[in-house]
Amino acid sequence: MEPTRLSLKKMSFLSWGSLVVILFMVITAYAGEDEFWYSKARTAARQGQKDFAFMQYRGILIRYPGSKYTQEAMFANGEYYFFANQNTESYGFFEKYLESSSEPDKDIFVLAYLLRLAKMKKDEALSEDMKNRIISLHRQSFIFEKSKEYQFSSPLNRQHKVVYDIEKIVFTIEGDPFETVFY
């Protein structure tokens, strides 16, 4: 017996409906797992296990690309590759971070990494572009202060600091000088 056109339409509708239900179940089953992996990454970073933290952040980017932790995971990957002297990978992650940045206060640190990478490549045009982007990102007024400073603990738990002075911007990582940009 051959199926009628009506029964094929019903089967098609049921298949699509089933598919939607299954997809919904799969998506909701994974809800919150990105938070679990993010928590594992942060804990590992605080314990000084940078390699393990990196693997967790990398996993977030692979398994949960739309996660609310994507930005931090991109920063962590860029930073990890930077300190592993894998400059091409580092540059790529930091550029992706800036393309979708939702945290302008952290952008200044990403730009400092990109400036250092440009200098390492001996790309003067890119270095100049990064300097200009850093200078224009935060215009500071020093009415009653000589300088202003901001601190940031990266996803890999490295301590970053930027000091805006009247004539320059100084970046440090873990207390060590990293970059200086003069106005």
C-alpha atoms as a PDB file:
ATOM      1  CA  MET A   1       0.000   0.000   0.000  1.00  0.00           C
ATOM      2  CA  GLU A   2       1.406   3.353  -1.054  1.00  0.00           C
ATOM      3  CA  PRO A   3       1.247   6.300   1.377  1.00  0.00           C
ATOM      4  CA  THR A   4      -1.076   9.087   0.402  1.00  0.00           C
ATOM      5  CA  ARG A   5      -0.003  12.676  -0.015  1.00  0.00           C
ATOM      6  CA  LEU A   6      -1.798  13.592   3.225  1.00  0.00           C
ATOM      7  CA  SER A   7       0.054  10.989   5.270  1.00  0.00           C
ATOM      8  CA  LEU A   8       3.410  12.182   3.844  1.00  0.00           C
ATOM      9  CA  LYS A   9       2.597  15.730   4.949  1.00  0.00           C
ATOM     10  CA  LYS A  10       1.739  14.483   8.429  1.00  0.00           C
ATOM     11  CA  MET A  11       4.956  12.494   8.610  1.00  0.00           C
ATOM     12  CA  SER A  12       6.939  15.478   7.422  1.00  0.00           C
ATOM     13  CA  PHE A  13       5.294  17.712  10.031  1.00  0.00           C
ATOM     14  CA  LEU A  14       5.902  15.131  12.764  1.00  0.00           C
ATOM     15  CA  SER A  15       9.548  14.757  11.716  1.00  0.00           C
ATOM     16  CA  TRP A  16      10.145  18.501  11.819  1.00  0.00           C
ATOM     17  CA  GLY A  17       8.296  18.828  15.100  1.00  0.00           C
ATOM     18  CA  SER A  18      10.320  15.985  16.581  1.00  0.00           C
ATOM     19  CA  LEU A  19      13.526  17.525  15.324  1.00  0.00           C
ATOM     20  CA  VAL A  20      12.683  20.869  16.946  1.00  0.00           C
ATOM     21  CA  VAL A  21      11.868  19.162  20.258  1.00  0.00           C
ATOM     22  CA  ILE A  22      15.095  17.154  20.164  1.00  0.00           C
ATOM     23  CA  LEU A  23      17.170  20.251  19.366  1.00  0.00           C
ATOM     24  CA  PHE A  24      15.516  22.135  22.198  1.00  0.00           C
ATOM     25  CA  MET A  25      16.280  19.284  24.593  1.00  0.00           C
ATOM     26  CA  VAL A  26      19.920  19.153  23.502  1.00  0.00           C
ATOM     27  CA  ILE A  27      20.378  22.918  23.816  1.00  0.00           C
ATOM     28  CA  THR A  28      18.778  23.082  27.255  1.00  0.00           C
ATOM     29  CA  ALA A  29      20.747  20.026  28.409  1.00  0.00           C
ATOM     30  CA  TYR A  30      23.954  21.981  27.797  1.00  0.00           C
ATOM     31  CA  ALA A  31      22.699  25.189  29.384  1.00  0.00           C
ATOM     32  CA  GLY A  32      24.974  26.016  32.279  1.00  0.00           C
ATOM     33  CA  GLU A  33      27.786  23.713  31.165  1.00  0.00           C
ATOM     34  CA  ASP A  34      29.749  26.682  29.848  1.00  0.00           C
ATOM     35  CA  GLU A  35      29.521  28.167  33.325  1.00  0.00           C
ATOM     36  CA  PHE A  36      30.877  24.936  34.793  1.00  0.00           C
ATOM     37  CA  TRP A  37      33.897  24.976  32.425  1.00  0.00           C
ATOM     38  CA  TYR A  38      34.418  28.690  33.008  1.00  0.00           C
ATOM     39  CA  SER A  39      34.500  28.081  36.756  1.00  0.00           C
ATOM     40  CA  LYS A  40      37.049  25.291  36.269  1.00  0.00           C
ATOM     41  CA  ALA A  41      39.189  27.619  34.116  1.00  0.00           C
ATOM     42  CA  ARG A  42      39.110  30.455  36.661  1.00  0.00           C
ATOM     43  CA  THR A  43      39.945  28.083  39.523  1.00  0.00           C
ATOM     44  CA  ALA A  44      42.873  26.608  37.600  1.00  0.00           C
ATOM     45  CA  ALA A  45      44.159  30.097  36.752  1.00  0.00           C
ATOM     46  CA  ARG A  46      43.974  31.190  40.400  1.00  0.00           C
ATOM     47  CA  GLN A  47      45.919  28.071  41.372  1.00  0.00           C
ATOM     48  CA  GLY A  48      48.647  28.945  38.862  1.00  0.00           C
ATOM     49  CA  GLN A  49      47.733  26.140  36.452  1.00  0.00           C
ATOM     50  CA  LYS A  50      47.801  28.284  33.334  1.00  0.00           C
ATOM     51  CA  ASP A  51      47.986  25.336  30.900  1.00  0.00           C
ATOM     52  CA  PHE A  52      44.922  23.686  32.400  1.00  0.00           C
ATOM     53  CA  ALA A  53      43.052  27.003  32.495  1.00  0.00           C
ATOM     54  CA  PHE A  54      43.952  27.576  28.846  1.00  0.00           C
ATOM     55  CA  MET A  55      42.533  24.172  27.881  1.00  0.00           C
ATOM     56  CA  GLN A  56      39.255  24.979  29.638  1.00  0.00           C
ATOM     57  CA  TYR A  57      38.956  28.404  27.973  1.00  0.00           C
ATOM     58  CA  ARG A  58      39.809  26.851  24.614  1.00  0.00           C
ATOM     59  CA  GLY A  59      37.076  24.276  25.209  1.00  0.00           C
ATOM     60  CA  ILE A  60      34.544  27.032  25.844  1.00  0.00           C
ATOM     61  CA  LEU A  61      35.383  28.598  22.471  1.00  0.00           C
ATOM     62  CA  ILE A  62      35.037  25.260  20.696  1.00  0.00           C
ATOM     63  CA  ARG A  63      31.969  23.841  22.455  1.00  0.00           C
ATOM     64  CA  TYR A  64      30.060  27.026  23.335  1.00  0.00           C
ATOM     65  CA  PRO A  65      30.952  29.712  20.769  1.00  0.00           C
ATOM     66  CA  GLY A  66      27.950  31.853  21.732  1.00  0.00           C
ATOM     67  CA  SER A  67      28.647  31.683  25.455  1.00  0.00           C
ATOM     68  CA  LYS A  68      28.667  34.744  27.668  1.00  0.00           C
ATOM     69  CA  TYR A  69      32.258  33.711  28.497  1.00  0.00           C
ATOM     70  CA  THR A  70      33.490  33.905  24.898  1.00  0.00           C
ATOM     71  CA  GLN A  71      35.173  37.298  25.385  1.00  0.00           C
ATOM     72  CA  GLU A  72      37.149  36.153  28.413  1.00  0.00           C
ATOM     73  CA  ALA A  73      38.058  32.906  26.672  1.00  0.00           C
ATOM     74  CA  MET A  74      39.373  34.847  23.638  1.00  0.00           C
ATOM     75  CA  PHE A  75      41.439  37.100  25.905  1.00  0.00           C
ATOM     76  CA  ALA A  76      42.804  34.053  27.758  1.00  0.00           C
ATOM     77  CA  ASN A  77      43.751  32.342  24.499  1.00  0.00           C
ATOM     78  CA  GLY A  78      45.436  35.466  23.141  1.00  0.00           C
ATOM     79  CA  GLU A  79      47.366  35.935  26.359  1.00  0.00           C
ATOM     80  CA  TYR A  80      48.358  32.270  26.611  1.00  0.00           C
ATOM     81  CA  TYR A  81      49.666  32.205  23.054  1.00  0.00           C
ATOM     82  CA  PHE A  82      51.480  35.504  23.619  1.00  0.00           C
ATOM     83  CA  PHE A  83      53.473  34.118  26.541  1.00  0.00           C
ATOM     84  CA  ALA A  84      54.056  30.874  24.608  1.00  0.00           C
ATOM     85  CA  ASN A  85      55.649  32.970  21.804  1.00  0.00           C
ATOM     86  CA  GLN A  86      53.005  31.855  19.322  1.00  0.00           C
ATOM     87  CA  ASN A  87      52.499  35.346  18.005  1.00  0.00           C
ATOM     88  CA  THR A  88      50.297  34.601  15.006  1.00  0.00           C
ATOM     89  CA  GLU A  89      47.759  32.763  17.155  1.00  0.00           C
ATOM     90  CA  SER A  90      47.947  35.436  19.850  1.00  0.00           C
ATOM     91  CA  TYR A  91      47.353  38.212  17.335  1.00  0.00           C
ATOM     92  CA  GLY A  92      44.359  36.362  15.875  1.00  0.00           C
ATOM     93  CA  PHE A  93      42.634  35.897  19.217  1.00  0.00           C
ATOM     94  CA  PHE A  94      43.236  39.484  20.305  1.00  0.00           C
ATOM     95  CA  GLU A  95      41.903  40.807  16.987  1.00  0.00           C
ATOM     96  CA  LYS A  96      38.789  38.622  17.333  1.00  0.00           C
ATOM     97  CA  TYR A  97      38.390  39.922  20.863  1.00  0.00           C
ATOM     98  CA  LEU A  98      38.384  43.532  19.666  1.00  0.00           C
ATOM     99  CA  GLU A  99      35.950  42.777  16.816  1.00  0.00           C
ATOM    100  CA  SER A 100      33.308  41.634  19.273  1.00  0.00           C
ATOM    101  CA  SER A 101      34.378  43.526  22.361  1.00  0.00           C
ATOM    102  CA  SER A 102      31.741  44.407  24.878  1.00  0.00           C
ATOM    103  CA  GLU A 103      34.164  45.567  27.580  1.00  0.00           C
ATOM    104  CA  PRO A 104      35.969  48.770  26.553  1.00  0.00           C
ATOM    105  CA  ASP A 105      37.914  48.931  29.837  1.00  0.00           C
ATOM    106  CA  LYS A 106      39.757  45.750  28.850  1.00  0.00           C
ATOM    107  CA  ASP A 107      40.337  46.842  25.244  1.00  0.00           C
ATOM    108  CA  ILE A 108      43.253  49.021  26.335  1.00  0.00           C
ATOM    109  CA  PHE A 109      45.120  45.923  27.543  1.00  0.00           C
ATOM    110  CA  VAL A 110      44.385  44.026  24.329  1.00  0.00           C
ATOM    111  CA  LEU A 111      45.718  46.990  22.361  1.00  0.00           C
ATOM    112  CA  ALA A 112      48.901  46.928  24.466  1.00  0.00           C
ATOM    113  CA  TYR A 113      49.420  43.267  23.530  1.00  0.00           C
ATOM    114  CA  LEU A 114      48.759  44.066  19.866  1.00  0.00           C
ATOM    115  CA  LEU A 115      51.228  46.966  20.051  1.00  0.00           C
ATOM    116  CA  ARG A 116      53.909  44.661  21.445  1.00  0.00           C
ATOM    117  CA  LEU A 117      53.161  42.067  18.737  1.00  0.00           C
ATOM    118  CA  ALA A 118      53.405  44.740  16.030  1.00  0.00           C
ATOM    119  CA  LYS A 119      56.778  45.841  17.413  1.00  0.00           C
ATOM    120  CA  MET A 120      57.973  42.236  17.468  1.00  0.00           C
ATOM    121  CA  LYS A 121      56.980  41.927  13.787  1.00  0.00           C
ATOM    122  CA  LYS A 122      58.785  45.233  13.156  1.00  0.00           C
ATOM    123  CA  ASP A 123      55.628  46.531  11.504  1.00  0.00           C
ATOM    124  CA  GLU A 124      55.945  50.294  12.029  1.00  0.00           C
ATOM    125  CA  ALA A 125      52.618  51.170  10.422  1.00  0.00           C
ATOM    126  CA  LEU A 126      50.744  48.702  12.627  1.00  0.00           C
ATOM    127  CA  SER A 127      52.684  49.893  15.697  1.00  0.00           C
ATOM    128  CA  GLU A 128      51.695  53.474  14.984  1.00  0.00           C
ATOM    129  CA  ASP A 129      48.071  52.451  14.452  1.00  0.00           C
ATOM    130  CA  MET A 130      48.020  50.615  17.798  1.00  0.00           C
ATOM    131  CA  LYS A 131      49.595  53.615  19.576  1.00  0.00           C
ATOM    132  CA  ASN A 132      46.953  55.927  18.120  1.00  0.00           C
ATOM    133  CA  ARG A 133      44.158  53.543  19.102  1.00  0.00           C
ATOM    134  CA  ILE A 134      45.511  53.358  22.660  1.00  0.00           C
ATOM    135  CA  ILE A 135      45.776  57.140  22.938  1.00  0.00           C
ATOM    136  CA  SER A 136      42.292  57.737  21.552  1.00  0.00           C
ATOM    137  CA  LEU A 137      40.623  55.005  23.603  1.00  0.00           C
ATOM    138  CA  HIS A 138      40.785  56.820  26.925  1.00  0.00           C
ATOM    139  CA  ARG A 139      41.071  60.552  26.963  1.00  0.00           C
ATOM    140  CA  GLN A 140      41.906  61.484  30.526  1.00  0.00           C
ATOM    141  CA  SER A 141      41.638  64.769  32.338  1.00  0.00           C
ATOM    142  CA  PHE A 142      44.043  65.404  35.184  1.00  0.00           C
ATOM    143  CA  ILE A 143      42.468  68.342  36.959  1.00  0.00           C
ATOM    144  CA  PHE A 144      43.614  67.501  40.497  1.00  0.00           C
ATOM    145  CA  GLU A 145      45.763  64.437  39.883  1.00  0.00           C
ATOM    146  CA  LYS A 146      49.115  63.794  38.262  1.00  0.00           C
ATOM    147  CA  SER A 147      48.019  60.379  36.989  1.00  0.00           C
ATOM    148  CA  LYS A 148      45.221  57.808  36.966  1.00  0.00           C
ATOM    149  CA  GLU A 149      45.594  54.063  37.133  1.00  0.00           C
ATOM    150  CA  TYR A 150      43.435  51.068  36.317  1.00  0.00           C
ATOM    151  CA  GLN A 151      44.036  47.459  37.250  1.00  0.00           C
ATOM    152  CA  PHE A 152      42.739  44.294  35.683  1.00  0.00           C
ATOM    153  CA  SER A 153      43.171  40.622  36.538  1.00  0.00           C
ATOM    154  CA  SER A 154      43.157  38.656  33.294  1.00  0.00           C
ATOM    155  CA  PRO A 155      41.281  35.386  32.820  1.00  0.00           C
ATOM    156  CA  LEU A 156      44.641  33.621  33.303  1.00  0.00           C
ATOM    157  CA  ASN A 157      45.027  35.558  36.568  1.00  0.00           C
ATOM    158  CA  ARG A 158      47.848  37.835  35.413  1.00  0.00           C
ATOM    159  CA  GLN A 159      47.763  41.249  37.055  1.00  0.00           C
ATOM    160  CA  HIS A 160      47.657  44.084  34.513  1.00  0.00           C
ATOM    161  CA  LYS A 161      47.921  47.754  35.277  1.00  0.00           C
ATOM    162  CA  VAL A 162      47.795  50.851  33.141  1.00  0.00           C
ATOM    163  CA  VAL A 163      48.870  54.250  34.446  1.00  0.00           C
ATOM    164  CA  TYR A 164      47.773  57.329  32.540  1.00  0.00           C
ATOM    165  CA  ASP A 165      50.281  60.087  33.161  1.00  0.00           C
ATOM    166  CA  ILE A 166      50.248  63.622  31.809  1.00  0.00           C
ATOM    167  CA  GLU A 167      52.693  62.706  29.042  1.00  0.00           C
ATOM    168  CA  LYS A 168      52.493  58.922  28.701  1.00  0.00           C
ATOM    169  CA  ILE A 169      50.573  55.692  29.245  1.00  0.00           C
ATOM    170  CA  VAL A 170      52.481  52.941  31.053  1.00  0.00           C
ATOM    171  CA  PHE A 171      51.444  49.280  31.001  1.00  0.00           C
ATOM    172  CA  THR A 172      52.714  46.659  33.434  1.00  0.00           C
ATOM    173  CA  ILE A 173      51.989  42.957  33.732  1.00  0.00           C
ATOM    174  CA  GLU A 174      52.672  41.254  37.051  1.00  0.00           C
ATOM    175  CA  GLY A 175      54.492  44.440  38.106  1.00  0.00           C
ATOM    176  CA  ASP A 176      56.952  44.268  35.199  1.00  0.00           C
ATOM    177  CA  PRO A 177      57.087  47.056  32.593  1.00  0.00           C
ATOM    178  CA  PHE A 178      55.337  45.970  29.405  1.00  0.00           C
ATOM    179  CA  GLU A 179      54.748  48.955  27.104  1.00  0.00           C
ATOM    180  CA  THR A 180      54.913  52.741  27.276  1.00  0.00           C
ATOM    181  CA  VAL A 181      53.087  55.017  24.887  1.00  0.00           C
ATOM    182  CA  PHE A 182      53.961  58.705  24.762  1.00  0.00           C
ATOM    183  CA  TYR A 183      51.389  61.280  23.681  1.00  0.00           C
END
